[in-house]
Amino acid sequence: MLKLYTKAQARLAQLRSEEDGNAAEYGLIIAIVALGIIVGLGALALALNGMFADVASNL
């Protein structure tokens, strides 16, 4: 019985250590997506700024 309990604990510890790696990978993915959103919004802001400047100059 003790052997089974020890094996179960070892397997749980292994799963927990694998989850830590997955959490780091998910963190990197989230950081890359956030960076893409920031760059995309920056480009959109520049385009909108130019469009509104053209509209203002035509008025």
N, C-alpha and C. Protein backbone atom coordinates (compact mmCIF):
# COMPACT_ATOMS: atom_id res chain seq x y z
N MET A 1 0.83 -1.20 0.00
CA MET A 1 0.00 0.00 0.00
C MET A 1 0.87 1.26 0.00
N LEU A 2 1.93 1.22 0.80
CA LEU A 2 2.83 2.37 0.87
C LEU A 2 3.53 2.60 -0.46
N LYS A 3 3.83 1.50 -1.16
CA LYS A 3 4.49 1.61 -2.46
C LYS A 3 3.57 2.32 -3.47
N LEU A 4 2.30 1.97 -3.47
CA LEU A 4 1.33 2.60 -4.36
C LEU A 4 1.18 4.07 -4.03
N TYR A 5 1.14 4.40 -2.75
CA TYR A 5 1.03 5.80 -2.32
C TYR A 5 2.25 6.61 -2.76
N THR A 6 3.42 6.03 -2.63
CA THR A 6 4.66 6.70 -3.03
C THR A 6 4.68 6.92 -4.55
N LYS A 7 4.23 5.92 -5.32
CA LYS A 7 4.18 6.08 -6.77
C LYS A 7 3.18 7.17 -7.17
N ALA A 8 2.06 7.22 -6.49
CA ALA A 8 1.05 8.24 -6.78
C ALA A 8 1.61 9.64 -6.49
N GLN A 9 2.30 9.77 -5.38
CA GLN A 9 2.90 11.07 -5.04
C GLN A 9 3.95 11.46 -6.06
N ALA A 10 4.76 10.52 -6.51
CA ALA A 10 5.79 10.81 -7.50
C ALA A 10 5.15 11.24 -8.82
N ARG A 11 4.07 10.58 -9.20
CA ARG A 11 3.39 10.95 -10.46
C ARG A 11 2.77 12.34 -10.34
N LEU A 12 2.17 12.66 -9.20
CA LEU A 12 1.60 13.99 -9.00
C LEU A 12 2.67 15.07 -9.04
N ALA A 13 3.80 14.78 -8.45
CA ALA A 13 4.91 15.75 -8.47
C ALA A 13 5.41 15.96 -9.90
N GLN A 14 5.44 14.88 -10.68
CA GLN A 14 5.87 15.00 -12.08
C GLN A 14 4.88 15.84 -12.87
N LEU A 15 3.59 15.63 -12.65
CA LEU A 15 2.58 16.42 -13.35
C LEU A 15 2.67 17.89 -12.97
N ARG A 16 2.92 18.16 -11.71
CA ARG A 16 3.04 19.55 -11.27
C ARG A 16 4.24 20.22 -11.91
N SER A 17 5.35 19.51 -12.03
CA SER A 17 6.53 20.11 -12.65
C SER A 17 6.29 20.36 -14.14
N GLU A 18 5.51 19.50 -14.80
CA GLU A 18 5.18 19.72 -16.20
C GLU A 18 4.26 20.92 -16.36
N GLU A 19 3.36 21.14 -15.41
CA GLU A 19 2.46 22.28 -15.47
C GLU A 19 3.22 23.59 -15.34
N ASP A 20 4.30 23.59 -14.56
CA ASP A 20 5.10 24.81 -14.42
C ASP A 20 5.70 25.20 -15.76
N GLY A 21 6.17 24.24 -16.52
CA GLY A 21 6.71 24.51 -17.84
C GLY A 21 5.63 25.03 -18.77
N ASN A 22 4.47 24.45 -18.67
CA ASN A 22 3.36 24.90 -19.52
C ASN A 22 2.95 26.32 -19.17
N ALA A 23 2.98 26.66 -17.89
CA ALA A 23 2.62 28.02 -17.49
C ALA A 23 3.60 29.03 -18.08
N ALA A 24 4.87 28.68 -18.10
CA ALA A 24 5.87 29.57 -18.69
C ALA A 24 5.64 29.72 -20.19
N GLU A 25 5.29 28.62 -20.84
CA GLU A 25 5.03 28.70 -22.28
C GLU A 25 3.80 29.55 -22.56
N TYR A 26 2.75 29.39 -21.76
CA TYR A 26 1.56 30.20 -21.95
C TYR A 26 1.87 31.68 -21.69
N GLY A 27 2.73 31.95 -20.73
CA GLY A 27 3.13 33.33 -20.46
C GLY A 27 3.84 33.95 -21.66
N LEU A 28 4.70 33.17 -22.29
CA LEU A 28 5.39 33.68 -23.49
C LEU A 28 4.42 33.92 -24.63
N ILE A 29 3.46 33.03 -24.79
CA ILE A 29 2.46 33.21 -25.86
C ILE A 29 1.65 34.47 -25.61
N ILE A 30 1.23 34.67 -24.37
CA ILE A 30 0.46 35.86 -24.02
C ILE A 30 1.28 37.12 -24.26
N ALA A 31 2.56 37.09 -23.93
CA ALA A 31 3.42 38.25 -24.15
C ALA A 31 3.55 38.57 -25.64
N ILE A 32 3.69 37.54 -26.46
CA ILE A 32 3.83 37.75 -27.90
C ILE A 32 2.53 38.30 -28.49
N VAL A 33 1.40 37.76 -28.05
CA VAL A 33 0.11 38.26 -28.53
C VAL A 33 -0.09 39.71 -28.10
N ALA A 34 0.26 40.02 -26.86
CA ALA A 34 0.12 41.40 -26.38
C ALA A 34 1.01 42.35 -27.18
N LEU A 35 2.22 41.92 -27.50
CA LEU A 35 3.11 42.74 -28.31
C LEU A 35 2.52 42.97 -29.70
N GLY A 36 1.94 41.94 -30.28
CA GLY A 36 1.30 42.08 -31.59
C GLY A 36 0.13 43.05 -31.55
N ILE A 37 -0.65 42.98 -30.48
CA ILE A 37 -1.78 43.91 -30.33
C ILE A 37 -1.29 45.34 -30.20
N ILE A 38 -0.24 45.54 -29.41
CA ILE A 38 0.30 46.89 -29.21
C ILE A 38 0.83 47.46 -30.53
N VAL A 39 1.56 46.64 -31.29
CA VAL A 39 2.09 47.09 -32.58
C VAL A 39 0.95 47.39 -33.54
N GLY A 40 -0.05 46.52 -33.58
CA GLY A 40 -1.20 46.73 -34.46
C GLY A 40 -1.96 48.00 -34.12
N LEU A 41 -2.17 48.24 -32.84
CA LEU A 41 -2.87 49.45 -32.42
C LEU A 41 -2.05 50.70 -32.71
N GLY A 42 -0.74 50.60 -32.61
CA GLY A 42 0.12 51.73 -32.95
C GLY A 42 0.01 52.08 -34.42
N ALA A 43 0.00 51.05 -35.27
CA ALA A 43 -0.15 51.29 -36.71
C ALA A 43 -1.52 51.87 -37.02
N LEU A 44 -2.55 51.38 -36.35
CA LEU A 44 -3.90 51.91 -36.54
C LEU A 44 -3.97 53.37 -36.10
N ALA A 45 -3.31 53.69 -35.00
CA ALA A 45 -3.32 55.07 -34.51
C ALA A 45 -2.65 56.00 -35.52
N LEU A 46 -1.55 55.57 -36.10
CA LEU A 46 -0.88 56.40 -37.11
C LEU A 46 -1.76 56.60 -38.34
N ALA A 47 -2.44 55.53 -38.77
CA ALA A 47 -3.31 55.64 -39.95
C ALA A 47 -4.48 56.58 -39.66
N LEU A 48 -5.09 56.45 -38.50
CA LEU A 48 -6.21 57.31 -38.14
C LEU A 48 -5.77 58.77 -37.99
N ASN A 49 -4.58 58.96 -37.43
CA ASN A 49 -4.06 60.31 -37.28
C ASN A 49 -3.88 60.97 -38.64
N GLY A 50 -3.34 60.23 -39.59
CA GLY A 50 -3.17 60.76 -40.94
C GLY A 50 -4.50 61.05 -41.61
N MET A 51 -5.47 60.16 -41.42
CA MET A 51 -6.79 60.36 -42.03
C MET A 51 -7.46 61.60 -41.46
N PHE A 52 -7.42 61.77 -40.15
CA PHE A 52 -8.05 62.94 -39.53
C PHE A 52 -7.30 64.22 -39.89
N ALA A 53 -6.00 64.14 -40.08
CA ALA A 53 -5.24 65.32 -40.51
C ALA A 53 -5.66 65.73 -41.91
N ASP A 54 -5.89 64.75 -42.80
CA ASP A 54 -6.36 65.06 -44.15
C ASP A 54 -7.75 65.68 -44.13
N VAL A 55 -8.62 65.15 -43.29
CA VAL A 55 -9.98 65.70 -43.18
C VAL A 55 -9.92 67.13 -42.65
N ALA A 56 -9.07 67.35 -41.64
CA ALA A 56 -8.95 68.70 -41.05
C ALA A 56 -8.39 69.69 -42.06
N SER A 57 -7.45 69.25 -42.88
CA SER A 57 -6.88 70.18 -43.87
C SER A 57 -7.88 70.49 -44.99
N ASN A 58 -8.78 69.56 -45.29
CA ASN A 58 -9.80 69.80 -46.32
C ASN A 58 -10.91 70.73 -45.82
N LEU A 59 -11.06 70.82 -44.52
CA LEU A 59 -12.08 71.72 -43.99
C LEU A 59 -11.52 73.12 -44.00
